Amino acid sequence: MRNRAIVTPVSEKLNLIGDFMKWKLLVSLLACAAFFATNAKAQDEEKLDLFAGYSYMRANPSSNSIGSFGLNGGNASLAYHFTPWLSAVADFGGYTNSNVFHSGSSGTASTYLFGPRVSLHHIWRVHPFVEAFFGAAHGNSNLFDTSQSHNAFAAAVGGGFDFRLSHRFSLRPLEVDYLPTRFPEATFGRQTQDNLRVSTGIVFHF
């Protein structure tokens, strides 16, 4: 009887220790799982968007003697997300018309723009946004019928939307910007051109 009395408490203690170790192991595993899940989520947060695509620019000179004309090209932009809704964007574009003013001369323009983009509340896979960029543009001598190439102020105000294809890719069906520039026009001096830019392409998320 005495041996049984002694064995029973020891057995109960061993069981208690075993249960305690199991709970400790379970808590440790849950803590590790929570840590790795949080870490993975932090790593999956997208910080950069890289856009590349086709871009059409409709140049609208101020001078009545120079009619409107179109330029084809492309633009690329890099957006850094400070928050899920606010990004800083660097936008670069290049455009050309091989027969500007039907003169057989090639007119070219390039833009270098920087500014904020605000992402609006998305609906399903559709992610709309608005933007306002400021910077500079460069045009060759044929762009607005001047004797030399020029640098000018430029801006872009507009927006568009992305259609999410996967975790890493989106399609940008449409981005439209009012793109004013301040190039000289022939003999009329520096004027404001009320241009329009329409772009489409693909977005890479990092």
N, C-alpha and C. Protein backbone atom coordinates (compact mmCIF):
# COMPACT_ATOMS: atom_id res chain seq x y z
N MET A 1 0.82 -1.20 0.00
CA MET A 1 0.00 0.00 0.00
C MET A 1 0.86 1.25 0.00
N ARG A 2 1.95 1.16 0.81
CA ARG A 2 2.83 2.35 0.90
C ARG A 2 3.48 2.62 -0.44
N ASN A 3 3.93 1.54 -1.17
CA ASN A 3 4.58 1.74 -2.46
C ASN A 3 3.61 2.33 -3.48
N ARG A 4 2.34 1.82 -3.41
CA ARG A 4 1.35 2.36 -4.34
C ARG A 4 1.07 3.82 -4.04
N ALA A 5 1.05 4.18 -2.81
CA ALA A 5 0.81 5.57 -2.42
C ALA A 5 1.93 6.47 -2.87
N ILE A 6 3.14 5.90 -2.86
CA ILE A 6 4.29 6.70 -3.28
C ILE A 6 4.32 6.84 -4.81
N VAL A 7 3.97 5.76 -5.53
CA VAL A 7 4.03 5.77 -7.00
C VAL A 7 2.98 6.69 -7.58
N THR A 8 1.80 6.70 -6.99
CA THR A 8 0.70 7.48 -7.55
C THR A 8 1.00 8.98 -7.61
N PRO A 9 1.47 9.61 -6.50
CA PRO A 9 1.84 11.02 -6.60
C PRO A 9 2.94 11.29 -7.60
N VAL A 10 3.92 10.42 -7.67
CA VAL A 10 5.01 10.60 -8.65
C VAL A 10 4.46 10.55 -10.06
N SER A 11 3.55 9.59 -10.31
CA SER A 11 2.95 9.46 -11.63
C SER A 11 2.14 10.70 -11.98
N GLU A 12 1.41 11.22 -11.00
CA GLU A 12 0.62 12.43 -11.26
C GLU A 12 1.51 13.63 -11.56
N LYS A 13 2.63 13.70 -10.82
CA LYS A 13 3.56 14.80 -11.07
C LYS A 13 4.15 14.73 -12.46
N LEU A 14 4.51 13.50 -12.89
CA LEU A 14 5.07 13.33 -14.23
C LEU A 14 4.04 13.71 -15.30
N ASN A 15 2.78 13.33 -15.04
CA ASN A 15 1.73 13.70 -15.99
C ASN A 15 1.55 15.22 -16.07
N LEU A 16 1.60 15.87 -14.90
CA LEU A 16 1.47 17.32 -14.87
C LEU A 16 2.62 17.99 -15.61
N ILE A 17 3.83 17.45 -15.38
CA ILE A 17 5.00 18.01 -16.08
C ILE A 17 4.87 17.80 -17.58
N GLY A 18 4.39 16.60 -17.99
CA GLY A 18 4.20 16.32 -19.41
C GLY A 18 3.18 17.25 -20.04
N ASP A 19 2.05 17.47 -19.35
CA ASP A 19 1.03 18.39 -19.85
C ASP A 19 1.57 19.81 -19.97
N PHE A 20 2.35 20.23 -18.94
CA PHE A 20 2.93 21.56 -18.96
C PHE A 20 3.86 21.73 -20.16
N MET A 21 4.70 20.71 -20.41
CA MET A 21 5.63 20.77 -21.54
C MET A 21 4.88 20.82 -22.87
N LYS A 22 3.77 20.06 -22.95
CA LYS A 22 2.98 20.09 -24.17
C LYS A 22 2.40 21.47 -24.42
N TRP A 23 1.84 22.08 -23.37
CA TRP A 23 1.30 23.43 -23.51
C TRP A 23 2.38 24.44 -23.86
N LYS A 24 3.53 24.29 -23.22
CA LYS A 24 4.64 25.20 -23.51
C LYS A 24 5.08 25.07 -24.97
N LEU A 25 5.14 23.82 -25.45
CA LEU A 25 5.52 23.59 -26.84
C LEU A 25 4.48 24.16 -27.78
N LEU A 26 3.20 23.98 -27.43
CA LEU A 26 2.12 24.50 -28.26
C LEU A 26 2.16 26.02 -28.33
N VAL A 27 2.34 26.67 -27.17
CA VAL A 27 2.43 28.13 -27.14
C VAL A 27 3.62 28.63 -27.95
N SER A 28 4.75 27.93 -27.83
CA SER A 28 5.95 28.31 -28.58
C SER A 28 5.71 28.20 -30.08
N LEU A 29 5.06 27.12 -30.50
CA LEU A 29 4.77 26.93 -31.91
C LEU A 29 3.82 28.00 -32.44
N LEU A 30 2.81 28.34 -31.64
CA LEU A 30 1.88 29.40 -32.04
C LEU A 30 2.59 30.75 -32.14
N ALA A 31 3.49 31.02 -31.18
CA ALA A 31 4.25 32.27 -31.22
C ALA A 31 5.12 32.33 -32.46
N CYS A 32 5.78 31.21 -32.78
CA CYS A 32 6.63 31.17 -33.98
C CYS A 32 5.80 31.36 -35.24
N ALA A 33 4.63 30.72 -35.28
CA ALA A 33 3.76 30.85 -36.44
C ALA A 33 3.29 32.29 -36.62
N ALA A 34 2.91 32.93 -35.50
CA ALA A 34 2.48 34.33 -35.55
C ALA A 34 3.61 35.24 -36.03
N PHE A 35 4.83 34.96 -35.55
CA PHE A 35 5.99 35.76 -35.95
C PHE A 35 6.25 35.65 -37.44
N PHE A 36 6.28 34.41 -37.95
CA PHE A 36 6.57 34.22 -39.36
C PHE A 36 5.44 34.73 -40.25
N ALA A 37 4.21 34.63 -39.77
CA ALA A 37 3.09 35.17 -40.55
C ALA A 37 3.16 36.68 -40.65
N THR A 38 3.48 37.33 -39.51
CA THR A 38 3.62 38.78 -39.51
C THR A 38 4.78 39.22 -40.38
N ASN A 39 5.90 38.50 -40.29
CA ASN A 39 7.07 38.83 -41.08
C ASN A 39 6.79 38.65 -42.57
N ALA A 40 6.09 37.58 -42.91
CA ALA A 40 5.77 37.34 -44.32
C ALA A 40 4.84 38.42 -44.86
N LYS A 41 3.87 38.84 -44.03
CA LYS A 41 2.96 39.89 -44.44
C LYS A 41 3.71 41.20 -44.68
N ALA A 42 4.66 41.52 -43.81
CA ALA A 42 5.45 42.74 -43.97
C ALA A 42 6.28 42.69 -45.25
N GLN A 43 6.81 41.50 -45.57
CA GLN A 43 7.60 41.37 -46.77
C GLN A 43 6.74 41.45 -48.02
N ASP A 44 5.45 41.02 -47.91
CA ASP A 44 4.56 41.03 -49.06
C ASP A 44 3.97 42.40 -49.34
N GLU A 45 4.13 43.35 -48.45
CA GLU A 45 3.61 44.68 -48.68
C GLU A 45 4.34 45.31 -49.87
N GLU A 46 3.55 45.78 -50.84
CA GLU A 46 4.13 46.35 -52.06
C GLU A 46 4.57 47.79 -51.80
N LYS A 47 5.78 48.10 -52.18
CA LYS A 47 6.31 49.43 -52.00
C LYS A 47 6.55 50.15 -53.32
N LEU A 48 6.71 49.39 -54.42
CA LEU A 48 7.05 50.00 -55.70
C LEU A 48 6.11 49.50 -56.79
N ASP A 49 5.71 50.43 -57.66
CA ASP A 49 4.98 50.11 -58.89
C ASP A 49 5.79 50.62 -60.07
N LEU A 50 6.03 49.76 -61.04
CA LEU A 50 6.73 50.14 -62.26
C LEU A 50 5.76 50.01 -63.43
N PHE A 51 5.49 51.14 -64.10
CA PHE A 51 4.58 51.15 -65.25
C PHE A 51 5.37 51.38 -66.52
N ALA A 52 4.99 50.69 -67.60
CA ALA A 52 5.57 50.91 -68.92
C ALA A 52 4.49 50.66 -69.96
N GLY A 53 4.41 51.55 -70.96
CA GLY A 53 3.37 51.35 -71.96
C GLY A 53 3.40 52.37 -73.07
N TYR A 54 2.38 52.28 -73.91
CA TYR A 54 2.21 53.18 -75.05
C TYR A 54 1.57 54.48 -74.59
N SER A 55 1.95 55.59 -75.25
CA SER A 55 1.42 56.89 -74.88
C SER A 55 1.19 57.73 -76.15
N TYR A 56 0.04 58.38 -76.20
CA TYR A 56 -0.30 59.28 -77.30
C TYR A 56 -0.44 60.69 -76.75
N MET A 57 0.24 61.62 -77.38
CA MET A 57 0.18 63.02 -76.96
C MET A 57 -0.45 63.86 -78.07
N ARG A 58 -1.49 64.59 -77.73
CA ARG A 58 -2.13 65.51 -78.67
C ARG A 58 -1.66 66.92 -78.36
N ALA A 59 -0.81 67.45 -79.23
CA ALA A 59 -0.24 68.78 -79.02
C ALA A 59 -1.21 69.84 -79.54
N ASN A 60 -1.52 70.82 -78.68
CA ASN A 60 -2.46 71.88 -79.04
C ASN A 60 -1.78 73.24 -78.86
N PRO A 61 -1.13 73.75 -79.91
CA PRO A 61 -0.43 75.04 -79.82
C PRO A 61 -1.41 76.18 -79.59
N SER A 62 -0.88 77.28 -79.04
CA SER A 62 -1.70 78.47 -78.82
C SER A 62 -1.88 79.28 -80.09
N SER A 63 -0.87 79.25 -80.95
CA SER A 63 -0.91 80.04 -82.18
C SER A 63 -1.90 79.43 -83.18
N ASN A 64 -2.77 80.29 -83.74
CA ASN A 64 -3.73 79.81 -84.73
C ASN A 64 -3.07 79.34 -86.01
N SER A 65 -1.86 79.84 -86.28
CA SER A 65 -1.16 79.47 -87.51
C SER A 65 -0.59 78.05 -87.44
N ILE A 66 -0.56 77.48 -86.24
CA ILE A 66 -0.05 76.11 -86.06
C ILE A 66 -1.21 75.23 -85.59
N GLY A 67 -1.58 74.28 -86.37
CA GLY A 67 -2.69 73.42 -86.02
C GLY A 67 -2.28 72.33 -85.03
N SER A 68 -3.27 71.71 -84.43
CA SER A 68 -3.01 70.61 -83.51
C SER A 68 -2.47 69.40 -84.28
N PHE A 69 -1.70 68.59 -83.59
CA PHE A 69 -1.14 67.39 -84.21
C PHE A 69 -0.86 66.35 -83.12
N GLY A 70 -0.73 65.11 -83.55
CA GLY A 70 -0.51 64.03 -82.61
C GLY A 70 0.91 63.50 -82.65
N LEU A 71 1.37 62.99 -81.52
CA LEU A 71 2.67 62.35 -81.41
C LEU A 71 2.49 61.00 -80.72
N ASN A 72 3.13 59.99 -81.24
CA ASN A 72 3.09 58.64 -80.66
C ASN A 72 4.38 58.36 -79.91
N GLY A 73 4.28 57.57 -78.88
CA GLY A 73 5.48 57.22 -78.12
C GLY A 73 5.16 56.31 -76.96
N GLY A 74 5.85 56.53 -75.87
CA GLY A 74 5.65 55.71 -74.69
C GLY A 74 6.06 56.46 -73.44
N ASN A 75 5.61 55.97 -72.32
CA ASN A 75 6.07 56.56 -71.06
C ASN A 75 6.22 55.47 -70.01
N ALA A 76 7.05 55.75 -69.05
CA ALA A 76 7.31 54.84 -67.94
C ALA A 76 7.30 55.64 -66.65
N SER A 77 6.85 55.00 -65.58
CA SER A 77 6.81 55.69 -64.30
C SER A 77 7.15 54.72 -63.18
N LEU A 78 7.73 55.28 -62.14
CA LEU A 78 8.07 54.51 -60.94
C LEU A 78 7.39 55.19 -59.76
N ALA A 79 6.56 54.44 -59.05
CA ALA A 79 5.82 54.97 -57.91
C ALA A 79 6.27 54.29 -56.62
N TYR A 80 6.57 55.09 -55.62
CA TYR A 80 6.93 54.58 -54.29
C TYR A 80 5.78 54.86 -53.34
N HIS A 81 5.27 53.82 -52.65
CA HIS A 81 4.11 53.96 -51.78
C HIS A 81 4.55 54.34 -50.37
N PHE A 82 4.21 55.56 -49.96
CA PHE A 82 4.41 55.95 -48.57
C PHE A 82 3.33 55.32 -47.69
N THR A 83 2.12 55.28 -48.20
CA THR A 83 0.99 54.65 -47.54
C THR A 83 0.21 53.90 -48.62
N PRO A 84 -0.79 53.10 -48.25
CA PRO A 84 -1.58 52.42 -49.28
C PRO A 84 -2.29 53.35 -50.25
N TRP A 85 -2.46 54.65 -49.86
CA TRP A 85 -3.19 55.56 -50.74
C TRP A 85 -2.34 56.71 -51.30
N LEU A 86 -1.12 56.93 -50.79
CA LEU A 86 -0.29 58.04 -51.24
C LEU A 86 1.05 57.54 -51.76
N SER A 87 1.40 58.00 -52.97
CA SER A 87 2.65 57.58 -53.60
C SER A 87 3.38 58.78 -54.17
N ALA A 88 4.71 58.66 -54.24
CA ALA A 88 5.55 59.64 -54.95
C ALA A 88 5.95 59.00 -56.28
N VAL A 89 5.78 59.75 -57.37
CA VAL A 89 5.93 59.19 -58.71
C VAL A 89 6.96 59.98 -59.52
N ALA A 90 7.80 59.24 -60.24
CA ALA A 90 8.69 59.82 -61.26
C ALA A 90 8.21 59.29 -62.61
N ASP A 91 7.87 60.22 -63.53
CA ASP A 91 7.24 59.85 -64.79
C ASP A 91 8.08 60.39 -65.95
N PHE A 92 8.40 59.52 -66.92
CA PHE A 92 9.22 59.91 -68.07
C PHE A 92 8.54 59.47 -69.36
N GLY A 93 8.50 60.37 -70.35
CA GLY A 93 7.84 60.04 -71.61
C GLY A 93 8.61 60.54 -72.81
N GLY A 94 8.43 59.86 -73.93
CA GLY A 94 9.03 60.28 -75.19
C GLY A 94 8.03 60.12 -76.32
N TYR A 95 7.92 61.15 -77.20
CA TYR A 95 6.88 61.18 -78.22
C TYR A 95 7.47 61.71 -79.53
N THR A 96 6.93 61.24 -80.66
CA THR A 96 7.47 61.69 -81.94
C THR A 96 6.38 61.70 -83.01
N ASN A 97 6.57 62.58 -83.99
CA ASN A 97 5.73 62.65 -85.19
C ASN A 97 6.69 62.81 -86.36
N SER A 98 6.72 61.82 -87.26
CA SER A 98 7.70 61.82 -88.35
C SER A 98 7.37 62.79 -89.47
N ASN A 99 6.16 63.38 -89.44
CA ASN A 99 5.77 64.30 -90.50
C ASN A 99 4.97 65.46 -89.92
N VAL A 100 5.60 66.15 -88.98
CA VAL A 100 4.91 67.24 -88.30
C VAL A 100 4.62 68.39 -89.27
N PHE A 101 3.41 68.90 -89.19
CA PHE A 101 2.92 69.97 -90.07
C PHE A 101 3.00 69.57 -91.54
N HIS A 102 3.02 68.27 -91.84
CA HIS A 102 3.10 67.75 -93.20
C HIS A 102 4.30 68.31 -93.95
N SER A 103 5.37 68.54 -93.19
CA SER A 103 6.58 69.13 -93.79
C SER A 103 7.63 68.07 -94.09
N GLY A 104 7.39 66.84 -93.71
CA GLY A 104 8.39 65.80 -93.88
C GLY A 104 9.45 65.79 -92.80
N SER A 105 9.34 66.71 -91.84
CA SER A 105 10.30 66.80 -90.74
C SER A 105 9.76 66.06 -89.52
N SER A 106 10.67 65.56 -88.70
CA SER A 106 10.30 64.81 -87.51
C SER A 106 10.29 65.71 -86.29
N GLY A 107 9.17 65.74 -85.60
CA GLY A 107 9.08 66.49 -84.35
C GLY A 107 9.11 65.55 -83.17
N THR A 108 9.90 65.88 -82.16
CA THR A 108 10.02 65.01 -80.99
C THR A 108 9.83 65.83 -79.72
N ALA A 109 9.33 65.15 -78.70
CA ALA A 109 9.16 65.77 -77.38
C ALA A 109 9.43 64.72 -76.32
N SER A 110 9.93 65.17 -75.19
CA SER A 110 10.15 64.29 -74.04
C SER A 110 9.76 65.04 -72.78
N THR A 111 9.26 64.29 -71.80
CA THR A 111 8.80 64.89 -70.54
C THR A 111 9.47 64.21 -69.35
N TYR A 112 9.71 65.02 -68.31
CA TYR A 112 10.34 64.54 -67.07
C TYR A 112 9.53 65.13 -65.92
N LEU A 113 8.69 64.31 -65.32
CA LEU A 113 7.71 64.82 -64.37
C LEU A 113 7.79 64.09 -63.04
N PHE A 114 7.45 64.82 -61.96
CA PHE A 114 7.52 64.26 -60.62
C PHE A 114 6.35 64.82 -59.79
N GLY A 115 5.81 63.98 -58.91
CA GLY A 115 4.74 64.48 -58.06
C GLY A 115 3.98 63.37 -57.36
N PRO A 116 2.87 63.73 -56.69
CA PRO A 116 2.11 62.75 -55.90
C PRO A 116 1.01 62.07 -56.72
N ARG A 117 0.68 60.86 -56.30
CA ARG A 117 -0.47 60.13 -56.84
C ARG A 117 -1.29 59.64 -55.66
N VAL A 118 -2.59 59.82 -55.74
CA VAL A 118 -3.50 59.39 -54.68
C VAL A 118 -4.36 58.25 -55.21
N SER A 119 -4.30 57.10 -54.55
CA SER A 119 -5.10 55.95 -54.92
C SER A 119 -6.44 56.01 -54.21
N LEU A 120 -7.52 55.87 -54.97
CA LEU A 120 -8.86 55.93 -54.41
C LEU A 120 -9.30 54.53 -54.00
N HIS A 121 -10.44 54.47 -53.33
CA HIS A 121 -10.95 53.17 -52.85
C HIS A 121 -11.22 52.25 -54.04
N HIS A 122 -10.65 51.06 -54.01
CA HIS A 122 -10.80 50.15 -55.15
C HIS A 122 -12.11 49.38 -55.07
N ILE A 123 -12.61 49.03 -56.25
CA ILE A 123 -13.83 48.25 -56.39
C ILE A 123 -13.45 46.95 -57.08
N TRP A 124 -13.54 45.85 -56.36
CA TRP A 124 -13.12 44.55 -56.85
C TRP A 124 -11.66 44.65 -57.26
N ARG A 125 -11.34 44.40 -58.55
CA ARG A 125 -9.97 44.47 -59.02
C ARG A 125 -9.62 45.82 -59.66
N VAL A 126 -10.54 46.74 -59.65
CA VAL A 126 -10.34 48.04 -60.28
C VAL A 126 -9.80 49.03 -59.24
N HIS A 127 -8.62 49.60 -59.52
CA HIS A 127 -7.95 50.52 -58.60
C HIS A 127 -7.81 51.89 -59.27
N PRO A 128 -8.71 52.83 -59.03
CA PRO A 128 -8.60 54.17 -59.63
C PRO A 128 -7.61 55.04 -58.88
N PHE A 129 -7.10 56.08 -59.57
CA PHE A 129 -6.16 57.00 -58.95
C PHE A 129 -6.23 58.36 -59.64
N VAL A 130 -5.77 59.38 -58.92
CA VAL A 130 -5.60 60.73 -59.47
C VAL A 130 -4.16 61.16 -59.20
N GLU A 131 -3.66 62.10 -60.02
CA GLU A 131 -2.25 62.48 -59.91
C GLU A 131 -2.04 63.93 -60.34
N ALA A 132 -0.94 64.50 -59.89
CA ALA A 132 -0.53 65.85 -60.28
C ALA A 132 0.99 65.89 -60.30
N PHE A 133 1.57 66.02 -61.49
CA PHE A 133 3.02 66.01 -61.66
C PHE A 133 3.49 67.36 -62.20
N PHE A 134 4.75 67.68 -61.90
CA PHE A 134 5.36 68.91 -62.39
C PHE A 134 6.81 68.62 -62.77
N GLY A 135 7.31 69.35 -63.76
CA GLY A 135 8.69 69.11 -64.19
C GLY A 135 9.03 69.89 -65.44
N ALA A 136 9.67 69.20 -66.39
CA ALA A 136 10.18 69.87 -67.59
C ALA A 136 9.90 69.02 -68.83
N ALA A 137 9.97 69.67 -69.97
CA ALA A 137 9.82 69.00 -71.26
C ALA A 137 10.92 69.50 -72.19
N HIS A 138 11.26 68.67 -73.15
CA HIS A 138 12.25 69.05 -74.16
C HIS A 138 11.66 68.77 -75.54
N GLY A 139 11.78 69.74 -76.43
CA GLY A 139 11.29 69.57 -77.80
C GLY A 139 12.33 69.98 -78.81
N ASN A 140 12.39 69.29 -79.94
CA ASN A 140 13.36 69.68 -80.97
C ASN A 140 12.84 70.87 -81.76
N SER A 141 13.63 71.34 -82.70
CA SER A 141 13.31 72.58 -83.42
C SER A 141 12.07 72.45 -84.29
N ASN A 142 11.69 71.23 -84.67
CA ASN A 142 10.53 71.05 -85.54
C ASN A 142 9.22 70.95 -84.78
N LEU A 143 9.30 70.83 -83.47
CA LEU A 143 8.09 70.56 -82.71
C LEU A 143 7.05 71.66 -82.86
N PHE A 144 7.44 72.90 -82.68
CA PHE A 144 6.54 74.02 -82.86
C PHE A 144 7.11 75.04 -83.84
N ASP A 145 7.84 74.52 -84.84
CA ASP A 145 8.34 75.32 -85.95
C ASP A 145 9.25 76.45 -85.47
N THR A 146 10.21 76.11 -84.61
CA THR A 146 11.20 77.08 -84.15
C THR A 146 12.56 76.73 -84.74
N SER A 147 13.51 77.61 -84.57
CA SER A 147 14.82 77.42 -85.19
C SER A 147 15.76 76.56 -84.37
N GLN A 148 15.40 76.26 -83.12
CA GLN A 148 16.28 75.46 -82.27
C GLN A 148 15.46 74.68 -81.24
N SER A 149 16.08 73.68 -80.67
CA SER A 149 15.40 72.90 -79.64
C SER A 149 15.27 73.72 -78.36
N HIS A 150 14.30 73.36 -77.53
CA HIS A 150 14.02 74.14 -76.32
C HIS A 150 13.67 73.22 -75.16
N ASN A 151 13.96 73.70 -73.95
CA ASN A 151 13.45 73.11 -72.72
C ASN A 151 12.31 73.98 -72.21
N ALA A 152 11.33 73.39 -71.57
CA ALA A 152 10.17 74.15 -71.14
C ALA A 152 9.57 73.55 -69.88
N PHE A 153 8.78 74.36 -69.19
CA PHE A 153 8.01 73.87 -68.06
C PHE A 153 6.94 72.91 -68.56
N ALA A 154 6.65 71.89 -67.76
CA ALA A 154 5.59 70.95 -68.11
C ALA A 154 4.91 70.45 -66.83
N ALA A 155 3.68 70.03 -66.98
CA ALA A 155 2.92 69.47 -65.85
C ALA A 155 1.98 68.40 -66.40
N ALA A 156 1.43 67.61 -65.52
CA ALA A 156 0.44 66.61 -65.90
C ALA A 156 -0.55 66.44 -64.75
N VAL A 157 -1.82 66.66 -65.05
CA VAL A 157 -2.87 66.54 -64.04
C VAL A 157 -3.96 65.64 -64.61
N GLY A 158 -4.27 64.57 -63.92
CA GLY A 158 -5.29 63.66 -64.43
C GLY A 158 -5.42 62.44 -63.55
N GLY A 159 -5.62 61.30 -64.20
CA GLY A 159 -5.79 60.06 -63.44
C GLY A 159 -6.09 58.90 -64.36
N GLY A 160 -6.44 57.80 -63.76
CA GLY A 160 -6.72 56.59 -64.53
C GLY A 160 -7.11 55.47 -63.59
N PHE A 161 -6.97 54.24 -64.06
CA PHE A 161 -7.27 53.10 -63.19
C PHE A 161 -6.47 51.89 -63.65
N ASP A 162 -6.18 51.03 -62.67
CA ASP A 162 -5.48 49.76 -62.91
C ASP A 162 -6.45 48.61 -62.68
N PHE A 163 -6.30 47.57 -63.49
CA PHE A 163 -7.08 46.35 -63.30
C PHE A 163 -6.13 45.26 -62.83
N ARG A 164 -6.33 44.78 -61.61
CA ARG A 164 -5.40 43.83 -61.01
C ARG A 164 -5.52 42.46 -61.66
N LEU A 165 -4.40 41.98 -62.23
CA LEU A 165 -4.37 40.66 -62.85
C LEU A 165 -3.89 39.59 -61.88
N SER A 166 -2.89 39.94 -61.06
CA SER A 166 -2.34 39.00 -60.09
C SER A 166 -1.66 39.80 -58.99
N HIS A 167 -0.97 39.08 -58.10
CA HIS A 167 -0.28 39.74 -57.00
C HIS A 167 0.82 40.67 -57.49
N ARG A 168 1.42 40.36 -58.63
CA ARG A 168 2.57 41.11 -59.14
C ARG A 168 2.29 41.94 -60.38
N PHE A 169 1.11 41.76 -61.00
CA PHE A 169 0.86 42.45 -62.26
C PHE A 169 -0.52 43.08 -62.29
N SER A 170 -0.58 44.25 -62.95
CA SER A 170 -1.85 44.91 -63.22
C SER A 170 -1.84 45.44 -64.65
N LEU A 171 -3.03 45.52 -65.23
CA LEU A 171 -3.19 46.16 -66.53
C LEU A 171 -3.71 47.57 -66.29
N ARG A 172 -3.07 48.55 -66.95
CA ARG A 172 -3.56 49.94 -66.88
C ARG A 172 -4.25 50.24 -68.21
N PRO A 173 -5.56 50.01 -68.30
CA PRO A 173 -6.26 50.23 -69.57
C PRO A 173 -6.27 51.69 -70.00
N LEU A 174 -6.30 52.61 -69.02
CA LEU A 174 -6.43 54.01 -69.38
C LEU A 174 -5.83 54.93 -68.32
N GLU A 175 -5.02 55.85 -68.78
CA GLU A 175 -4.51 56.96 -67.96
C GLU A 175 -4.57 58.21 -68.82
N VAL A 176 -5.28 59.22 -68.35
CA VAL A 176 -5.48 60.44 -69.13
C VAL A 176 -4.99 61.63 -68.32
N ASP A 177 -4.15 62.47 -68.97
CA ASP A 177 -3.60 63.64 -68.29
C ASP A 177 -3.72 64.89 -69.17
N TYR A 178 -4.12 65.98 -68.56
CA TYR A 178 -3.95 67.29 -69.17
C TYR A 178 -2.49 67.65 -68.98
N LEU A 179 -1.78 67.91 -70.10
CA LEU A 179 -0.33 68.07 -70.06
C LEU A 179 0.08 69.42 -70.67
N PRO A 180 0.00 70.49 -69.90
CA PRO A 180 0.41 71.80 -70.43
C PRO A 180 1.93 71.93 -70.50
N THR A 181 2.41 72.61 -71.55
CA THR A 181 3.84 72.92 -71.71
C THR A 181 3.99 74.39 -72.06
N ARG A 182 5.23 74.90 -71.93
CA ARG A 182 5.51 76.32 -72.22
C ARG A 182 6.66 76.43 -73.23
N PHE A 183 6.41 75.96 -74.46
CA PHE A 183 7.41 76.05 -75.53
C PHE A 183 7.22 77.34 -76.33
N PRO A 184 8.31 77.86 -76.92
CA PRO A 184 8.16 78.95 -77.90
C PRO A 184 7.47 78.43 -79.15
N GLU A 185 6.67 79.28 -79.78
CA GLU A 185 5.99 78.92 -81.02
C GLU A 185 6.37 79.90 -82.12
N ALA A 186 7.14 79.40 -83.09
CA ALA A 186 7.56 80.20 -84.24
C ALA A 186 8.03 81.58 -83.79
N THR A 187 7.42 82.64 -84.29
CA THR A 187 7.85 84.01 -83.95
C THR A 187 7.00 84.64 -82.85
N PHE A 188 6.14 83.83 -82.20
CA PHE A 188 5.22 84.39 -81.22
C PHE A 188 5.76 84.32 -79.79
N GLY A 189 6.97 83.79 -79.64
CA GLY A 189 7.55 83.70 -78.30
C GLY A 189 6.97 82.54 -77.51
N ARG A 190 7.30 82.50 -76.26
CA ARG A 190 6.90 81.37 -75.42
C ARG A 190 5.40 81.42 -75.13
N GLN A 191 4.72 80.31 -75.38
CA GLN A 191 3.28 80.20 -75.21
C GLN A 191 2.94 78.97 -74.37
N THR A 192 1.69 78.88 -73.98
CA THR A 192 1.21 77.69 -73.27
C THR A 192 0.48 76.77 -74.24
N GLN A 193 0.92 75.53 -74.30
CA GLN A 193 0.26 74.53 -75.14
C GLN A 193 -0.62 73.64 -74.24
N ASP A 194 -1.88 73.56 -74.57
CA ASP A 194 -2.83 72.77 -73.77
C ASP A 194 -2.91 71.36 -74.35
N ASN A 195 -1.91 70.55 -74.03
CA ASN A 195 -1.80 69.23 -74.61
C ASN A 195 -2.60 68.20 -73.81
N LEU A 196 -2.84 67.06 -74.45
CA LEU A 196 -3.53 65.95 -73.82
C LEU A 196 -2.69 64.69 -74.01
N ARG A 197 -2.58 63.88 -72.95
CA ARG A 197 -1.83 62.64 -73.04
C ARG A 197 -2.70 61.47 -72.60
N VAL A 198 -2.69 60.41 -73.40
CA VAL A 198 -3.43 59.19 -73.10
C VAL A 198 -2.45 58.02 -73.13
N SER A 199 -2.44 57.22 -72.07
CA SER A 199 -1.48 56.11 -71.96
C SER A 199 -2.18 54.81 -71.58
N THR A 200 -1.57 53.71 -71.96
CA THR A 200 -2.02 52.38 -71.57
C THR A 200 -0.82 51.45 -71.50
N GLY A 201 -0.88 50.48 -70.60
CA GLY A 201 0.27 49.58 -70.47
C GLY A 201 0.09 48.62 -69.31
N ILE A 202 1.20 48.16 -68.79
CA ILE A 202 1.19 47.16 -67.72
C ILE A 202 1.96 47.67 -66.52
N VAL A 203 1.55 47.26 -65.32
CA VAL A 203 2.17 47.68 -64.06
C VAL A 203 2.76 46.46 -63.37
N PHE A 204 4.00 46.60 -62.91
CA PHE A 204 4.67 45.55 -62.14
C PHE A 204 4.73 46.00 -60.68
N HIS A 205 4.31 45.13 -59.77
CA HIS A 205 4.29 45.46 -58.34
C HIS A 205 5.44 44.76 -57.62
N PHE A 206 6.16 45.51 -56.79
CA PHE A 206 7.30 44.95 -56.04
C PHE A 206 7.12 45.25 -54.56
